[in-house]
Amino acid sequence: MNKIELASQFVAAHQGQFRCPVCHGQLDLVKNGTVRCVNDHTFDFSKKGTLFLINAPVKTEYTDEMLRYRNQMLTAGFFEPMLRAVSAHLRHGGLVLDAGCGEGTTTKWLAEQNQNDTYVGLDISKPAINIAGSGTVSSLKPLFMVGDLAQLPFGDEQVTDIVNILSPANYQEFDRVLQSGGRLIKVIPNRHYLQELRALVYPEGEHATYDNAPVKEHFLAHYGQVDFTDIHYEFKLTPALFKALFEMTPLTWQAAERKEAILNQGLDHITADFEVGVVTKTTTL
C-alpha cells in the first residue's frame, strides 16, 4: 500500500476518535484519499499520507532548513535518554498524541519502541509535518497532521496519553481530549539545558542563564500536583552535529553575525537537562 492508503486505513480504524476542526462534528467517512465529516467538510491526504486539519495555514518562525537540522540532531540520538523516560510513563495499548511533534522524530521513536500503541503527531507547522511524512513506510506508522493545539481534532476523551515535548501546551484542550485515567507527559528544559551553547552565544546578560520557572509554574497552576523526574546527561558532538545544534535552536537567532566564529570554536559535547512532568487525569480535572 502507498502512504495515502496506509494513512486512510489509520483514520478509518480510529475515525470515531477524530473530530472536524471546522464544525467539531465526527469524521464520518474515509474514501479515495479524502476524509469527510458528518457535515460534509472534506480534508485530503497529501501524497506523504499527512492530513491538513486546521482552518487556515499558520506561518511560524521555524524554517524548513532549521527543521531539517533538528531532524539531523534528533536522528543522531540527542533526545533518546529523555524519550526512554517518557516511554516508561506511557500506559500502552491506546492512541497516543505527540502534541507539538515538530518534524516527527520523537513520534517515530516512541512508536518504534511501543508497537502496541498507535501514534498521532500533530504540529501547527506545515513544513515540519512535510518532513515528518518523508521516508518510506510499509505498514501503519504514526499519522502526522497539521493541527492547532487550541482546537485539537479529537473528540472528547478519545486520547489515551498525550506527550508534549519542549512545546507550547493548551491544557484545557488536553483535558478535554484525554481519557479518564490518561496521562499527560510534559517535558520542559531545565536550567542546564544546552548550557555550553548558551555560554558561547550569550557570555553575559539576561540570556546567559535559563530559568524554567514560568513554564513550570503555569503547568503546576493548572494541575496542582505533578510528578517530576530530572533527566540529565551529556551528548557527544561532531562538527556536523554541532552545526546542526546551532542551526536548530532559537537560542542562536540573535547570534547570526557571530555564526562563523561560533562554529569555528565548536563544542565536543552538549548538556541535555530536562524535567519530565506526569499528570494522570481524574474525573475532577
Protein backbone atom coordinates (compact mmCIF):
# COMPACT_ATOMS: atom_id res chain seq x y z
CA MET A 1 0.00 0.00 0.00
CA ASN A 2 1.10 3.58 -0.61
CA LYS A 3 1.20 6.29 2.05
CA ILE A 4 -2.27 7.63 1.30
CA GLU A 5 -3.76 4.14 1.59
CA LEU A 6 -1.92 3.49 4.86
CA ALA A 7 -2.99 6.83 6.34
CA SER A 8 -6.57 6.26 5.18
CA GLN A 9 -6.53 2.88 6.90
CA PHE A 10 -5.27 4.53 10.11
CA VAL A 11 -8.05 7.14 10.15
CA ALA A 12 -10.71 4.59 9.23
CA ALA A 13 -9.64 2.46 12.19
CA HIS A 14 -9.90 5.47 14.53
CA GLN A 15 -12.40 7.75 12.81
CA GLY A 16 -14.75 7.74 15.78
CA GLN A 17 -11.96 9.36 17.80
CA PHE A 18 -11.35 12.31 15.43
CA ARG A 19 -13.50 15.41 15.04
CA CYS A 20 -13.76 18.05 12.33
CA PRO A 21 -11.73 21.23 13.01
CA VAL A 22 -14.39 23.32 11.26
CA CYS A 23 -17.68 22.22 12.87
CA HIS A 24 -16.46 19.79 15.56
CA GLY A 25 -18.60 17.04 14.05
CA GLN A 26 -17.30 13.48 13.91
CA LEU A 27 -15.17 12.45 10.96
CA ASP A 28 -17.52 10.06 9.25
CA LEU A 29 -16.02 8.74 6.03
CA VAL A 30 -12.58 7.89 4.67
CA LYS A 31 -12.61 7.17 0.94
CA ASN A 32 -10.33 7.70 -2.06
CA GLY A 33 -7.77 9.69 -0.08
CA THR A 34 -10.35 12.05 1.44
CA VAL A 35 -11.72 12.40 4.97
CA ARG A 36 -15.26 13.75 5.30
CA CYS A 37 -17.13 14.83 8.43
CA VAL A 38 -20.83 14.40 9.19
CA ASN A 39 -21.46 17.99 7.99
CA ASP A 40 -19.68 17.39 4.66
CA HIS A 41 -16.41 19.21 5.34
CA THR A 42 -13.63 17.38 3.48
CA PHE A 43 -9.88 17.03 4.01
CA ASP A 44 -7.49 15.38 1.56
CA PHE A 45 -4.40 13.35 2.40
CA SER A 46 -1.15 14.64 0.93
CA LYS A 47 1.00 12.31 -1.16
CA LYS A 48 3.05 11.80 2.01
CA GLY A 49 -0.02 10.49 3.85
CA THR A 50 -0.34 13.56 6.07
CA LEU A 51 -3.52 15.50 6.86
CA PHE A 52 -4.11 19.24 7.00
CA LEU A 53 -6.66 19.59 9.82
CA ILE A 54 -6.54 23.29 10.55
CA ASN A 55 -8.83 26.10 9.47
CA ALA A 56 -6.09 28.16 7.80
CA PRO A 57 -2.30 27.93 7.30
CA VAL A 58 -0.17 29.44 10.06
CA LYS A 59 3.29 30.83 9.36
CA THR A 60 5.84 30.06 12.05
CA GLU A 61 9.46 31.12 12.60
CA TYR A 62 10.69 27.56 12.14
CA THR A 63 12.06 27.30 8.60
CA ASP A 64 12.44 24.13 6.57
CA GLU A 65 16.23 24.38 6.93
CA MET A 66 16.01 24.74 10.71
CA LEU A 67 13.67 21.76 10.95
CA ARG A 68 15.97 19.59 8.84
CA TYR A 69 18.89 20.39 11.13
CA ARG A 70 16.68 19.45 14.08
CA ASN A 71 15.87 16.18 12.36
CA GLN A 72 19.59 15.51 11.87
CA MET A 73 20.35 16.17 15.54
CA LEU A 74 17.47 14.12 16.92
CA THR A 75 18.03 11.25 14.49
CA ALA A 76 21.58 11.07 15.89
CA GLY A 77 20.02 10.27 19.28
CA PHE A 78 20.17 13.55 21.16
CA PHE A 79 16.78 13.02 22.83
CA GLU A 80 16.88 9.24 23.29
CA PRO A 81 17.65 9.08 27.05
CA MET A 82 14.86 11.58 27.68
CA LEU A 83 12.48 9.70 25.37
CA ARG A 84 13.14 6.46 27.26
CA ALA A 85 11.91 8.22 30.41
CA VAL A 86 8.82 9.46 28.54
CA SER A 87 8.14 5.98 27.17
CA ALA A 88 8.28 4.48 30.66
CA HIS A 89 5.26 6.58 31.69
CA LEU A 90 3.00 5.58 28.77
CA ARG A 91 0.16 3.25 29.69
CA HIS A 92 0.32 1.39 26.34
CA GLY A 93 -2.36 -0.13 24.16
CA GLY A 94 -4.11 3.07 23.07
CA LEU A 95 -3.99 6.20 20.95
CA VAL A 96 -1.09 8.49 21.87
CA LEU A 97 -0.88 12.13 20.76
CA ASP A 98 2.51 13.78 20.35
CA ALA A 99 1.29 17.37 20.69
CA GLY A 100 3.78 19.75 19.07
CA CYS A 101 5.70 16.93 17.37
CA GLY A 102 7.89 19.13 15.18
CA GLU A 103 9.45 17.15 12.34
CA GLY A 104 8.26 13.86 13.80
CA THR A 105 11.44 12.26 15.14
CA THR A 106 10.09 11.95 18.69
CA THR A 107 6.80 10.44 17.46
CA LYS A 108 8.57 7.88 15.28
CA TRP A 109 10.97 6.88 18.06
CA LEU A 110 8.17 6.35 20.56
CA ALA A 111 6.09 4.42 18.02
CA GLU A 112 9.02 2.14 17.22
CA GLN A 113 9.57 1.35 20.90
CA ASN A 114 5.87 0.88 21.72
CA GLN A 115 4.30 -1.02 18.86
CA ASN A 116 1.14 -1.89 20.80
CA ASP A 117 0.23 1.82 20.71
CA THR A 118 -0.95 3.93 17.79
CA TYR A 119 0.53 7.41 17.42
CA VAL A 120 -0.58 10.73 16.01
CA GLY A 121 1.97 13.51 15.61
CA LEU A 122 0.43 16.98 15.44
CA ASP A 123 2.11 20.30 14.80
CA ILE A 124 0.96 23.71 13.56
CA SER A 125 3.91 23.90 11.15
CA LYS A 126 3.22 22.53 7.69
CA PRO A 127 6.97 22.37 6.82
CA ALA A 128 7.53 20.27 9.96
CA ILE A 129 4.77 17.83 9.03
CA ASN A 130 6.10 17.61 5.46
CA ILE A 131 9.42 16.39 6.88
CA ALA A 132 7.64 14.04 9.29
CA GLY A 133 5.82 12.43 6.38
CA SER A 134 9.00 11.83 4.39
CA GLY A 135 10.67 8.46 4.00
CA THR A 136 9.35 5.05 3.06
CA VAL A 137 6.78 3.08 5.04
CA SER A 138 5.40 -0.42 4.53
CA SER A 139 2.95 -0.68 7.42
CA LEU A 140 0.82 1.51 9.66
CA LYS A 141 3.07 4.10 11.28
CA PRO A 142 2.35 7.36 13.08
CA LEU A 143 -0.25 9.55 11.40
CA PHE A 144 1.09 13.09 11.03
CA MET A 145 -1.20 16.09 10.74
CA VAL A 146 -1.08 19.86 10.69
CA GLY A 147 -3.30 20.93 13.57
CA ASP A 148 -3.84 23.56 16.22
CA LEU A 149 -3.29 22.88 19.93
CA ALA A 150 -6.13 25.31 20.63
CA GLN A 151 -8.57 23.13 18.64
CA LEU A 152 -7.38 19.57 18.74
CA PRO A 153 -9.02 17.40 16.05
CA PHE A 154 -10.17 14.74 18.53
CA GLY A 155 -13.47 14.09 20.23
CA ASP A 156 -13.89 14.37 23.98
CA GLU A 157 -11.92 11.76 25.98
CA GLN A 158 -10.61 9.96 22.89
CA VAL A 159 -6.84 10.01 23.55
CA THR A 160 -5.10 7.54 25.86
CA ASP A 161 -1.94 9.58 26.53
CA ILE A 162 -0.53 12.95 25.45
CA VAL A 163 3.18 13.65 25.02
CA ASN A 164 4.20 17.34 24.98
CA ILE A 165 7.96 17.73 24.47
CA LEU A 166 9.61 21.19 24.59
CA SER A 167 6.47 22.57 23.02
CA PRO A 168 3.70 25.01 23.89
CA ALA A 169 0.65 23.46 25.55
CA ASN A 170 -3.08 24.03 25.75
CA TYR A 171 -4.10 22.38 28.99
CA GLN A 172 -7.84 22.96 28.53
CA GLU A 173 -7.75 21.07 25.24
CA PHE A 174 -5.50 18.38 26.69
CA ASP A 175 -8.04 17.88 29.50
CA ARG A 176 -10.90 17.67 27.00
CA VAL A 177 -9.43 15.01 24.72
CA LEU A 178 -7.65 12.89 27.36
CA GLN A 179 -9.47 9.84 28.67
CA SER A 180 -10.12 9.44 32.37
CA GLY A 181 -7.02 7.76 33.76
CA GLY A 182 -4.99 9.01 30.80
CA ARG A 183 -1.60 10.62 31.23
CA LEU A 184 -0.13 13.91 30.12
CA ILE A 185 3.66 13.65 29.92
CA LYS A 186 5.23 17.09 29.52
CA VAL A 187 8.96 17.68 29.01
CA ILE A 188 10.39 21.11 29.81
CA PRO A 189 14.02 22.23 29.61
CA ASN A 190 15.86 22.51 32.91
CA ARG A 191 18.38 25.19 33.88
CA HIS A 192 21.44 23.41 32.40
CA TYR A 193 19.85 22.57 29.03
CA LEU A 194 22.31 23.50 26.24
CA GLN A 195 24.43 25.36 28.79
CA GLU A 196 27.64 25.10 26.75
CA LEU A 197 25.97 26.59 23.66
CA ARG A 198 24.33 29.29 25.75
CA ALA A 199 27.75 30.26 27.16
CA LEU A 200 29.12 30.66 23.61
CA VAL A 201 26.19 32.68 22.35
CA TYR A 202 25.45 34.76 25.47
CA PRO A 203 28.63 35.02 27.61
CA GLU A 204 26.83 37.59 29.75
CA GLY A 205 23.49 39.34 30.15
CA GLU A 206 19.94 38.18 30.78
CA HIS A 207 20.12 35.29 28.29
CA ALA A 208 23.28 33.80 29.80
CA THR A 209 21.18 31.64 32.12
CA TYR A 210 17.83 29.90 31.75
CA ASP A 211 15.02 29.62 34.29
CA ASN A 212 12.10 27.29 33.56
CA ALA A 213 10.02 28.66 36.45
CA PRO A 214 7.38 30.46 34.31
CA VAL A 215 6.63 27.31 32.27
CA LYS A 216 6.71 25.04 35.29
CA GLU A 217 4.57 27.34 37.42
CA HIS A 218 1.93 27.57 34.66
CA PHE A 219 1.87 23.76 34.47
CA LEU A 220 1.54 23.45 38.26
CA ALA A 221 -1.08 26.19 38.45
CA HIS A 222 -3.36 24.20 36.17
CA TYR A 223 -2.87 20.73 37.66
CA GLY A 224 -1.76 21.36 41.23
CA GLN A 225 0.10 18.10 41.69
CA VAL A 226 2.65 16.97 39.11
CA ASP A 227 5.22 14.20 39.46
CA PHE A 228 8.55 15.46 38.11
CA THR A 229 11.67 13.49 37.18
CA ASP A 230 15.01 15.11 36.30
CA ILE A 231 16.82 13.75 33.26
CA HIS A 232 20.42 14.97 32.89
CA TYR A 233 23.15 13.71 30.55
CA GLU A 234 25.88 14.81 28.14
CA PHE A 235 25.75 14.15 24.42
CA LYS A 236 28.88 13.95 22.26
CA LEU A 237 29.09 16.24 19.26
CA THR A 238 30.90 16.01 15.95
CA PRO A 239 31.49 19.24 13.99
CA ALA A 240 28.49 18.35 11.80
CA LEU A 241 26.27 17.77 14.82
CA PHE A 242 27.42 20.99 16.46
CA LYS A 243 26.40 22.87 13.31
CA ALA A 244 23.04 21.06 13.36
CA LEU A 245 22.58 22.01 17.02
CA PHE A 246 23.46 25.65 16.33
CA GLU A 247 21.04 25.84 13.41
CA MET A 248 18.11 24.02 15.05
CA THR A 249 17.54 26.16 18.15
CA PRO A 250 16.02 29.64 18.57
CA LEU A 251 18.72 30.18 21.20
CA THR A 252 21.12 31.21 18.42
CA TRP A 253 18.83 33.51 16.44
CA GLN A 254 20.42 36.65 17.88
CA ALA A 255 23.95 35.45 17.11
CA ALA A 256 23.74 35.33 13.31
CA GLU A 257 26.55 37.87 12.89
CA ARG A 258 28.87 35.69 15.02
CA LYS A 259 27.83 32.39 13.46
CA GLU A 260 31.11 31.57 11.71
CA ALA A 261 33.21 32.35 14.79
CA ILE A 262 30.99 30.21 16.99
CA LEU A 263 31.01 27.31 14.51
CA ASN A 264 34.79 27.52 14.24
CA GLN A 265 35.13 27.41 18.03
CA GLY A 266 32.77 24.44 18.25
CA LEU A 267 31.88 22.09 21.10
CA ASP A 268 32.65 18.42 21.61
CA HIS A 269 29.64 17.83 23.88
CA ILE A 270 26.38 19.41 24.97
CA THR A 271 24.34 19.07 28.15
CA ALA A 272 20.80 17.75 27.98
CA ASP A 273 18.83 18.68 31.08
CA PHE A 274 15.07 18.14 31.31
CA GLU A 275 12.21 17.85 33.74
CA VAL A 276 9.61 15.24 32.82
CA GLY A 277 6.28 16.04 34.44
CA VAL A 278 3.47 13.45 34.57
CA VAL A 279 -0.20 14.09 35.32
CA THR A 280 -2.87 11.41 35.41
CA LYS A 281 -6.33 12.66 34.53
CA THR A 282 -9.01 12.12 37.12
CA THR A 283 -12.73 12.82 36.82
CA THR A 284 -12.18 16.09 38.71
CA LEU A 285 -9.94 17.65 36.02
